[in-house]
Amino acid sequence: MQLLTLPKLAARSGWPESRVRRMVARGLLSHIRVNGRLLLPETAIEDYVATTSWPPQVGQPRWGDSPWPVRRKTLILETDQ
């Protein structure tokens, strides 16, 4: 396992350093401190994504889909001609 500094991990992942730093502060990314230096495993972000995401449910309704048939009403406006 290779340990990287925060700037190197951020550059490798494409995420901003500030985001990685906030995630470390919240305890979301695994890390260690050695002599005051913050070191993260090279797989820290991949591990986070793997543990916090889930596969889509096949056959489940999407957000906003109604399980009941939709009945549409037509609105007819009367205008003076």
PDB file of N, CA and C in Angstrom:
ATOM      1  N   MET A   1       0.846  -1.175   0.000  1.00  0.00           N
ATOM      2  CA  MET A   1       0.000   0.000   0.000  1.00  0.00           C
ATOM      3  C   MET A   1       0.892   1.240   0.000  1.00  0.00           C
ATOM      4  N   GLN A   2       0.597   2.125  -0.921  1.00  0.00           N
ATOM      5  CA  GLN A   2       1.371   3.350  -1.029  1.00  0.00           C
ATOM      6  C   GLN A   2       0.596   4.486  -0.380  1.00  0.00           C
ATOM      7  N   LEU A   3       1.290   5.312   0.399  1.00  0.00           N
ATOM      8  CA  LEU A   3       0.681   6.468   1.037  1.00  0.00           C
ATOM      9  C   LEU A   3       1.042   7.724   0.263  1.00  0.00           C
ATOM     10  N   LEU A   4       0.044   8.593   0.084  1.00  0.00           N
ATOM     11  CA  LEU A   4       0.240   9.828  -0.662  1.00  0.00           C
ATOM     12  C   LEU A   4      -0.090  11.027   0.213  1.00  0.00           C
ATOM     13  N   THR A   5       0.525  12.151  -0.100  1.00  0.00           N
ATOM     14  CA  THR A   5       0.145  13.389   0.580  1.00  0.00           C
ATOM     15  C   THR A   5      -1.204  13.845   0.042  1.00  0.00           C
ATOM     16  N   LEU A   6      -1.838  14.726   0.777  1.00  0.00           N
ATOM     17  CA  LEU A   6      -3.149  15.196   0.364  1.00  0.00           C
ATOM     18  C   LEU A   6      -3.119  15.869  -1.014  1.00  0.00           C
ATOM     19  N   PRO A   7      -2.173  16.763  -1.303  1.00  0.00           N
ATOM     20  CA  PRO A   7      -2.153  17.367  -2.643  1.00  0.00           C
ATOM     21  C   PRO A   7      -1.957  16.353  -3.773  1.00  0.00           C
ATOM     22  N   LYS A   8      -1.122  15.339  -3.537  1.00  0.00           N
ATOM     23  CA  LYS A   8      -0.898  14.333  -4.577  1.00  0.00           C
ATOM     24  C   LYS A   8      -2.139  13.481  -4.811  1.00  0.00           C
ATOM     25  N   LEU A   9      -2.835  13.104  -3.717  1.00  0.00           N
ATOM     26  CA  LEU A   9      -4.057  12.327  -3.875  1.00  0.00           C
ATOM     27  C   LEU A   9      -5.133  13.141  -4.585  1.00  0.00           C
ATOM     28  N   ALA A  10      -5.252  14.420  -4.233  1.00  0.00           N
ATOM     29  CA  ALA A  10      -6.240  15.283  -4.887  1.00  0.00           C
ATOM     30  C   ALA A  10      -5.929  15.423  -6.369  1.00  0.00           C
ATOM     31  N   ALA A  11      -4.667  15.612  -6.706  1.00  0.00           N
ATOM     32  CA  ALA A  11      -4.287  15.746  -8.118  1.00  0.00           C
ATOM     33  C   ALA A  11      -4.554  14.455  -8.873  1.00  0.00           C
ATOM     34  N   ARG A  12      -4.264  13.327  -8.259  1.00  0.00           N
ATOM     35  CA  ARG A  12      -4.478  12.046  -8.916  1.00  0.00           C
ATOM     36  C   ARG A  12      -5.964  11.764  -9.139  1.00  0.00           C
ATOM     37  N   SER A  13      -6.800  12.170  -8.185  1.00  0.00           N
ATOM     38  CA  SER A  13      -8.236  11.891  -8.289  1.00  0.00           C
ATOM     39  C   SER A  13      -8.975  12.918  -9.131  1.00  0.00           C
ATOM     40  N   GLY A  14      -8.428  14.119  -9.255  1.00  0.00           N
ATOM     41  CA  GLY A  14      -9.118  15.182  -9.975  1.00  0.00           C
ATOM     42  C   GLY A  14     -10.065  15.973  -9.079  1.00  0.00           C
ATOM     43  N   TRP A  15     -10.110  15.636  -7.799  1.00  0.00           N
ATOM     44  CA  TRP A  15     -10.941  16.378  -6.849  1.00  0.00           C
ATOM     45  C   TRP A  15     -10.147  17.553  -6.293  1.00  0.00           C
ATOM     46  N   PRO A  16     -10.803  18.646  -5.942  1.00  0.00           N
ATOM     47  CA  PRO A  16     -10.091  19.779  -5.344  1.00  0.00           C
ATOM     48  C   PRO A  16      -9.510  19.402  -3.977  1.00  0.00           C
ATOM     49  N   GLU A  17      -8.388  20.011  -3.655  1.00  0.00           N
ATOM     50  CA  GLU A  17      -7.752  19.736  -2.365  1.00  0.00           C
ATOM     51  C   GLU A  17      -8.686  20.079  -1.215  1.00  0.00           C
ATOM     52  N   SER A  18      -9.454  21.142  -1.358  1.00  0.00           N
ATOM     53  CA  SER A  18     -10.345  21.563  -0.274  1.00  0.00           C
ATOM     54  C   SER A  18     -11.392  20.492   0.019  1.00  0.00           C
ATOM     55  N   ARG A  19     -11.903  19.829  -1.018  1.00  0.00           N
ATOM     56  CA  ARG A  19     -12.889  18.758  -0.805  1.00  0.00           C
ATOM     57  C   ARG A  19     -12.249  17.584  -0.075  1.00  0.00           C
ATOM     58  N   VAL A  20     -11.065  17.193  -0.503  1.00  0.00           N
ATOM     59  CA  VAL A  20     -10.384  16.061   0.140  1.00  0.00           C
ATOM     60  C   VAL A  20     -10.069  16.419   1.593  1.00  0.00           C
ATOM     61  N   ARG A  21      -9.641  17.650   1.836  1.00  0.00           N
ATOM     62  CA  ARG A  21      -9.320  18.085   3.194  1.00  0.00           C
ATOM     63  C   ARG A  21     -10.569  18.057   4.092  1.00  0.00           C
ATOM     64  N   ARG A  22     -11.725  18.511   3.568  1.00  0.00           N
ATOM     65  CA  ARG A  22     -12.972  18.473   4.340  1.00  0.00           C
ATOM     66  C   ARG A  22     -13.377  17.030   4.645  1.00  0.00           C
ATOM     67  N   MET A  23     -13.208  16.154   3.680  1.00  0.00           N
ATOM     68  CA  MET A  23     -13.581  14.752   3.888  1.00  0.00           C
ATOM     69  C   MET A  23     -12.687  14.100   4.942  1.00  0.00           C
ATOM     70  N   VAL A  24     -11.418  14.457   4.963  1.00  0.00           N
ATOM     71  CA  VAL A  24     -10.512  13.944   5.994  1.00  0.00           C
ATOM     72  C   VAL A  24     -10.950  14.484   7.356  1.00  0.00           C
ATOM     73  N   ALA A  25     -11.275  15.769   7.428  1.00  0.00           N
ATOM     74  CA  ALA A  25     -11.687  16.382   8.694  1.00  0.00           C
ATOM     75  C   ALA A  25     -12.968  15.747   9.229  1.00  0.00           C
ATOM     76  N   ARG A  26     -13.862  15.336   8.345  1.00  0.00           N
ATOM     77  CA  ARG A  26     -15.115  14.694   8.755  1.00  0.00           C
ATOM     78  C   ARG A  26     -14.947  13.204   9.034  1.00  0.00           C
ATOM     79  N   GLY A  27     -13.761  12.671   8.755  1.00  0.00           N
ATOM     80  CA  GLY A  27     -13.517  11.252   9.001  1.00  0.00           C
ATOM     81  C   GLY A  27     -14.055  10.346   7.906  1.00  0.00           C
ATOM     82  N   LEU A  28     -14.276  10.891   6.713  1.00  0.00           N
ATOM     83  CA  LEU A  28     -14.823  10.095   5.617  1.00  0.00           C
ATOM     84  C   LEU A  28     -13.758   9.352   4.831  1.00  0.00           C
ATOM     85  N   LEU A  29     -12.522   9.836   4.870  1.00  0.00           N
ATOM     86  CA  LEU A  29     -11.419   9.186   4.160  1.00  0.00           C
ATOM     87  C   LEU A  29     -10.420   8.648   5.176  1.00  0.00           C
ATOM     88  N   SER A  30      -9.926   7.449   4.925  1.00  0.00           N
ATOM     89  CA  SER A  30      -8.920   6.884   5.815  1.00  0.00           C
ATOM     90  C   SER A  30      -7.607   7.644   5.632  1.00  0.00           C
ATOM     91  N   HIS A  31      -6.925   7.873   6.744  1.00  0.00           N
ATOM     92  CA  HIS A  31      -5.683   8.638   6.707  1.00  0.00           C
ATOM     93  C   HIS A  31      -4.899   8.380   7.989  1.00  0.00           C
ATOM     94  N   ILE A  32      -3.654   8.775   7.981  1.00  0.00           N
ATOM     95  CA  ILE A  32      -2.828   8.736   9.184  1.00  0.00           C
ATOM     96  C   ILE A  32      -2.002  10.019   9.223  1.00  0.00           C
ATOM     97  N   ARG A  33      -1.525  10.339  10.391  1.00  0.00           N
ATOM     98  CA  ARG A  33      -0.614  11.478  10.545  1.00  0.00           C
ATOM     99  C   ARG A  33       0.723  10.938  11.040  1.00  0.00           C
ATOM    100  N   VAL A  34       1.755  11.304  10.343  1.00  0.00           N
ATOM    101  CA  VAL A  34       3.114  10.906  10.714  1.00  0.00           C
ATOM    102  C   VAL A  34       3.918  12.182  10.888  1.00  0.00           C
ATOM    103  N   ASN A  35       4.337  12.426  12.120  1.00  0.00           N
ATOM    104  CA  ASN A  35       5.081  13.653  12.443  1.00  0.00           C
ATOM    105  C   ASN A  35       4.340  14.905  11.956  1.00  0.00           C
ATOM    106  N   GLY A  36       3.030  14.924  12.131  1.00  0.00           N
ATOM    107  CA  GLY A  36       2.235  16.083  11.740  1.00  0.00           C
ATOM    108  C   GLY A  36       1.901  16.138  10.259  1.00  0.00           C
ATOM    109  N   ARG A  37       2.374  15.160   9.517  1.00  0.00           N
ATOM    110  CA  ARG A  37       2.144  15.125   8.070  1.00  0.00           C
ATOM    111  C   ARG A  37       0.974  14.195   7.761  1.00  0.00           C
ATOM    112  N   LEU A  38       0.031  14.688   6.983  1.00  0.00           N
ATOM    113  CA  LEU A  38      -1.164  13.929   6.645  1.00  0.00           C
ATOM    114  C   LEU A  38      -0.877  13.024   5.446  1.00  0.00           C
ATOM    115  N   LEU A  39      -1.089  11.721   5.625  1.00  0.00           N
ATOM    116  CA  LEU A  39      -0.861  10.751   4.564  1.00  0.00           C
ATOM    117  C   LEU A  39      -2.123   9.915   4.368  1.00  0.00           C
ATOM    118  N   LEU A  40      -2.459   9.670   3.100  1.00  0.00           N
ATOM    119  CA  LEU A  40      -3.658   8.901   2.763  1.00  0.00           C
ATOM    120  C   LEU A  40      -3.272   7.740   1.858  1.00  0.00           C
ATOM    121  N   PRO A  41      -3.964   6.601   2.006  1.00  0.00           N
ATOM    122  CA  PRO A  41      -3.703   5.497   1.078  1.00  0.00           C
ATOM    123  C   PRO A  41      -4.114   5.905  -0.336  1.00  0.00           C
ATOM    124  N   GLU A  42      -3.410   5.394  -1.322  1.00  0.00           N
ATOM    125  CA  GLU A  42      -3.727   5.765  -2.700  1.00  0.00           C
ATOM    126  C   GLU A  42      -5.131   5.343  -3.116  1.00  0.00           C
ATOM    127  N   THR A  43      -5.725   4.404  -2.385  1.00  0.00           N
ATOM    128  CA  THR A  43      -7.076   3.938  -2.706  1.00  0.00           C
ATOM    129  C   THR A  43      -8.148   4.575  -1.820  1.00  0.00           C
ATOM    130  N   ALA A  44      -7.816   5.633  -1.089  1.00  0.00           N
ATOM    131  CA  ALA A  44      -8.758   6.223  -0.129  1.00  0.00           C
ATOM    132  C   ALA A  44     -10.051   6.673  -0.805  1.00  0.00           C
ATOM    133  N   ILE A  45      -9.965   7.336  -1.936  1.00  0.00           N
ATOM    134  CA  ILE A  45     -11.168   7.849  -2.601  1.00  0.00           C
ATOM    135  C   ILE A  45     -11.963   6.704  -3.217  1.00  0.00           C
ATOM    136  N   GLU A  46     -11.286   5.741  -3.841  1.00  0.00           N
ATOM    137  CA  GLU A  46     -11.985   4.594  -4.404  1.00  0.00           C
ATOM    138  C   GLU A  46     -12.702   3.803  -3.309  1.00  0.00           C
ATOM    139  N   ASP A  47     -12.053   3.670  -2.145  1.00  0.00           N
ATOM    140  CA  ASP A  47     -12.685   2.969  -1.026  1.00  0.00           C
ATOM    141  C   ASP A  47     -13.924   3.719  -0.554  1.00  0.00           C
ATOM    142  N   TYR A  48     -13.834   5.046  -0.482  1.00  0.00           N
ATOM    143  CA  TYR A  48     -14.982   5.845  -0.056  1.00  0.00           C
ATOM    144  C   TYR A  48     -16.152   5.674  -1.028  1.00  0.00           C
ATOM    145  N   VAL A  49     -15.868   5.768  -2.321  1.00  0.00           N
ATOM    146  CA  VAL A  49     -16.927   5.635  -3.324  1.00  0.00           C
ATOM    147  C   VAL A  49     -17.541   4.235  -3.273  1.00  0.00           C
ATOM    148  N   ALA A  50     -16.716   3.218  -3.100  1.00  0.00           N
ATOM    149  CA  ALA A  50     -17.219   1.844  -3.060  1.00  0.00           C
ATOM    150  C   ALA A  50     -18.108   1.587  -1.845  1.00  0.00           C
ATOM    151  N   THR A  51     -17.824   2.244  -0.731  1.00  0.00           N
ATOM    152  CA  THR A  51     -18.607   1.992   0.482  1.00  0.00           C
ATOM    153  C   THR A  51     -19.830   2.883   0.608  1.00  0.00           C
ATOM    154  N   THR A  52     -19.902   3.956  -0.163  1.00  0.00           N
ATOM    155  CA  THR A  52     -21.039   4.868  -0.020  1.00  0.00           C
ATOM    156  C   THR A  52     -21.988   4.846  -1.198  1.00  0.00           C
ATOM    157  N   SER A  53     -21.716   4.063  -2.209  1.00  0.00           N
ATOM    158  CA  SER A  53     -22.619   4.000  -3.360  1.00  0.00           C
ATOM    159  C   SER A  53     -23.261   2.623  -3.411  1.00  0.00           C
ATOM    160  N   TRP A  54     -24.383   2.539  -4.100  1.00  0.00           N
ATOM    161  CA  TRP A  54     -25.085   1.277  -4.227  1.00  0.00           C
ATOM    162  C   TRP A  54     -25.591   1.137  -5.653  1.00  0.00           C
ATOM    163  N   PRO A  55     -25.780  -0.082  -6.117  1.00  0.00           N
ATOM    164  CA  PRO A  55     -26.240  -0.274  -7.494  1.00  0.00           C
ATOM    165  C   PRO A  55     -27.713   0.122  -7.630  1.00  0.00           C
ATOM    166  N   PRO A  56     -28.129   0.523  -8.816  1.00  0.00           N
ATOM    167  CA  PRO A  56     -29.534   0.869  -9.015  1.00  0.00           C
ATOM    168  C   PRO A  56     -30.417  -0.357  -8.847  1.00  0.00           C
ATOM    169  N   GLN A  57     -31.602  -0.156  -8.349  1.00  0.00           N
ATOM    170  CA  GLN A  57     -32.555  -1.242  -8.161  1.00  0.00           C
ATOM    171  C   GLN A  57     -33.298  -1.483  -9.468  1.00  0.00           C
ATOM    172  N   VAL A  58     -33.167  -2.662 -10.011  1.00  0.00           N
ATOM    173  CA  VAL A  58     -33.833  -3.002 -11.260  1.00  0.00           C
ATOM    174  C   VAL A  58     -35.307  -3.251 -10.975  1.00  0.00           C
ATOM    175  N   GLY A  59     -36.159  -2.652 -11.770  1.00  0.00           N
ATOM    176  CA  GLY A  59     -37.579  -2.859 -11.623  1.00  0.00           C
ATOM    177  C   GLY A  59     -38.243  -1.945 -10.609  1.00  0.00           C
ATOM    178  N   GLN A  60     -37.472  -1.140  -9.912  1.00  0.00           N
ATOM    179  CA  GLN A  60     -38.034  -0.211  -8.949  1.00  0.00           C
ATOM    180  C   GLN A  60     -38.412   1.082  -9.668  1.00  0.00           C
ATOM    181  N   PRO A  61     -39.477   1.743  -9.226  1.00  0.00           N
ATOM    182  CA  PRO A  61     -39.852   3.006  -9.862  1.00  0.00           C
ATOM    183  C   PRO A  61     -38.806   4.080  -9.603  1.00  0.00           C
ATOM    184  N   ARG A  62     -38.639   4.947 -10.556  1.00  0.00           N
ATOM    185  CA  ARG A  62     -37.732   6.069 -10.391  1.00  0.00           C
ATOM    186  C   ARG A  62     -38.428   7.150  -9.582  1.00  0.00           C
ATOM    187  N   TRP A  63     -37.658   8.090  -9.072  1.00  0.00           N
ATOM    188  CA  TRP A  63     -38.220   9.186  -8.308  1.00  0.00           C
ATOM    189  C   TRP A  63     -39.181   9.974  -9.191  1.00  0.00           C
ATOM    190  N   GLY A  64     -40.361  10.201  -8.715  1.00  0.00           N
ATOM    191  CA  GLY A  64     -41.346  10.955  -9.474  1.00  0.00           C
ATOM    192  C   GLY A  64     -42.287  10.079 -10.272  1.00  0.00           C
ATOM    193  N   ASP A  65     -41.947   8.812 -10.469  1.00  0.00           N
ATOM    194  CA  ASP A  65     -42.853   7.913 -11.185  1.00  0.00           C
ATOM    195  C   ASP A  65     -43.987   7.501 -10.257  1.00  0.00           C
ATOM    196  N   SER A  66     -45.182   7.555 -10.763  1.00  0.00           N
ATOM    197  CA  SER A  66     -46.336   7.188  -9.964  1.00  0.00           C
ATOM    198  C   SER A  66     -46.690   5.724 -10.217  1.00  0.00           C
ATOM    199  N   PRO A  67     -46.996   4.971  -9.163  1.00  0.00           N
ATOM    200  CA  PRO A  67     -47.393   3.578  -9.374  1.00  0.00           C
ATOM    201  C   PRO A  67     -48.819   3.462  -9.907  1.00  0.00           C
ATOM    202  N   TRP A  68     -49.572   4.565  -9.899  1.00  0.00           N
ATOM    203  CA  TRP A  68     -50.944   4.548 -10.377  1.00  0.00           C
ATOM    204  C   TRP A  68     -51.023   5.187 -11.750  1.00  0.00           C
ATOM    205  N   PRO A  69     -51.955   4.740 -12.584  1.00  0.00           N
ATOM    206  CA  PRO A  69     -52.090   5.375 -13.901  1.00  0.00           C
ATOM    207  C   PRO A  69     -52.499   6.837 -13.753  1.00  0.00           C
ATOM    208  N   VAL A  70     -51.971   7.634 -14.611  1.00  0.00           N
ATOM    209  CA  VAL A  70     -52.242   9.065 -14.545  1.00  0.00           C
ATOM    210  C   VAL A  70     -53.443   9.386 -15.425  1.00  0.00           C
ATOM    211  N   ARG A  71     -54.411  10.058 -14.853  1.00  0.00           N
ATOM    212  CA  ARG A  71     -55.568  10.505 -15.619  1.00  0.00           C
ATOM    213  C   ARG A  71     -55.395  11.991 -15.877  1.00  0.00           C
ATOM    214  N   ARG A  72     -55.369  12.326 -17.100  1.00  0.00           N
ATOM    215  CA  ARG A  72     -55.173  13.725 -17.462  1.00  0.00           C
ATOM    216  C   ARG A  72     -56.509  14.362 -17.790  1.00  0.00           C
ATOM    217  N   LYS A  73     -56.692  15.579 -17.341  1.00  0.00           N
ATOM    218  CA  LYS A  73     -57.902  16.334 -17.642  1.00  0.00           C
ATOM    219  C   LYS A  73     -57.543  17.448 -18.595  1.00  0.00           C
ATOM    220  N   THR A  74     -58.419  17.670 -19.540  1.00  0.00           N
ATOM    221  CA  THR A  74     -58.201  18.757 -20.486  1.00  0.00           C
ATOM    222  C   THR A  74     -58.960  19.977 -20.000  1.00  0.00           C
ATOM    223  N   LEU A  75     -58.289  21.057 -19.934  1.00  0.00           N
ATOM    224  CA  LEU A  75     -58.901  22.303 -19.512  1.00  0.00           C
ATOM    225  C   LEU A  75     -59.268  23.112 -20.725  1.00  0.00           C
ATOM    226  N   ILE A  76     -60.540  23.422 -20.852  1.00  0.00           N
ATOM    227  CA  ILE A  76     -61.024  24.210 -21.992  1.00  0.00           C
ATOM    228  C   ILE A  76     -61.401  25.593 -21.473  1.00  0.00           C
ATOM    229  N   LEU A  77     -60.763  26.584 -22.001  1.00  0.00           N
ATOM    230  CA  LEU A  77     -61.037  27.949 -21.584  1.00  0.00           C
ATOM    231  C   LEU A  77     -62.085  28.566 -22.518  1.00  0.00           C
ATOM    232  N   GLU A  78     -63.060  29.181 -21.928  1.00  0.00           N
ATOM    233  CA  GLU A  78     -64.071  29.861 -22.739  1.00  0.00           C
ATOM    234  C   GLU A  78     -63.633  31.302 -22.907  1.00  0.00           C
ATOM    235  N   THR A  79     -63.639  31.728 -24.126  1.00  0.00           N
ATOM    236  CA  THR A  79     -63.268  33.102 -24.402  1.00  0.00           C
ATOM    237  C   THR A  79     -64.394  33.798 -25.153  1.00  0.00           C
ATOM    238  N   ASP A  80     -64.503  35.085 -24.970  1.00  0.00           N
ATOM    239  CA  ASP A  80     -65.489  35.881 -25.701  1.00  0.00           C
ATOM    240  C   ASP A  80     -64.965  36.156 -27.103  1.00  0.00           C
ATOM    241  N   GLN A  81     -65.818  35.890 -28.075  1.00  0.00           N
ATOM    242  CA  GLN A  81     -65.385  36.120 -29.454  1.00  0.00           C
ATOM    243  C   GLN A  81     -66.186  37.200 -30.099  1.00  0.00           C
TER     244      GLN A  81
END
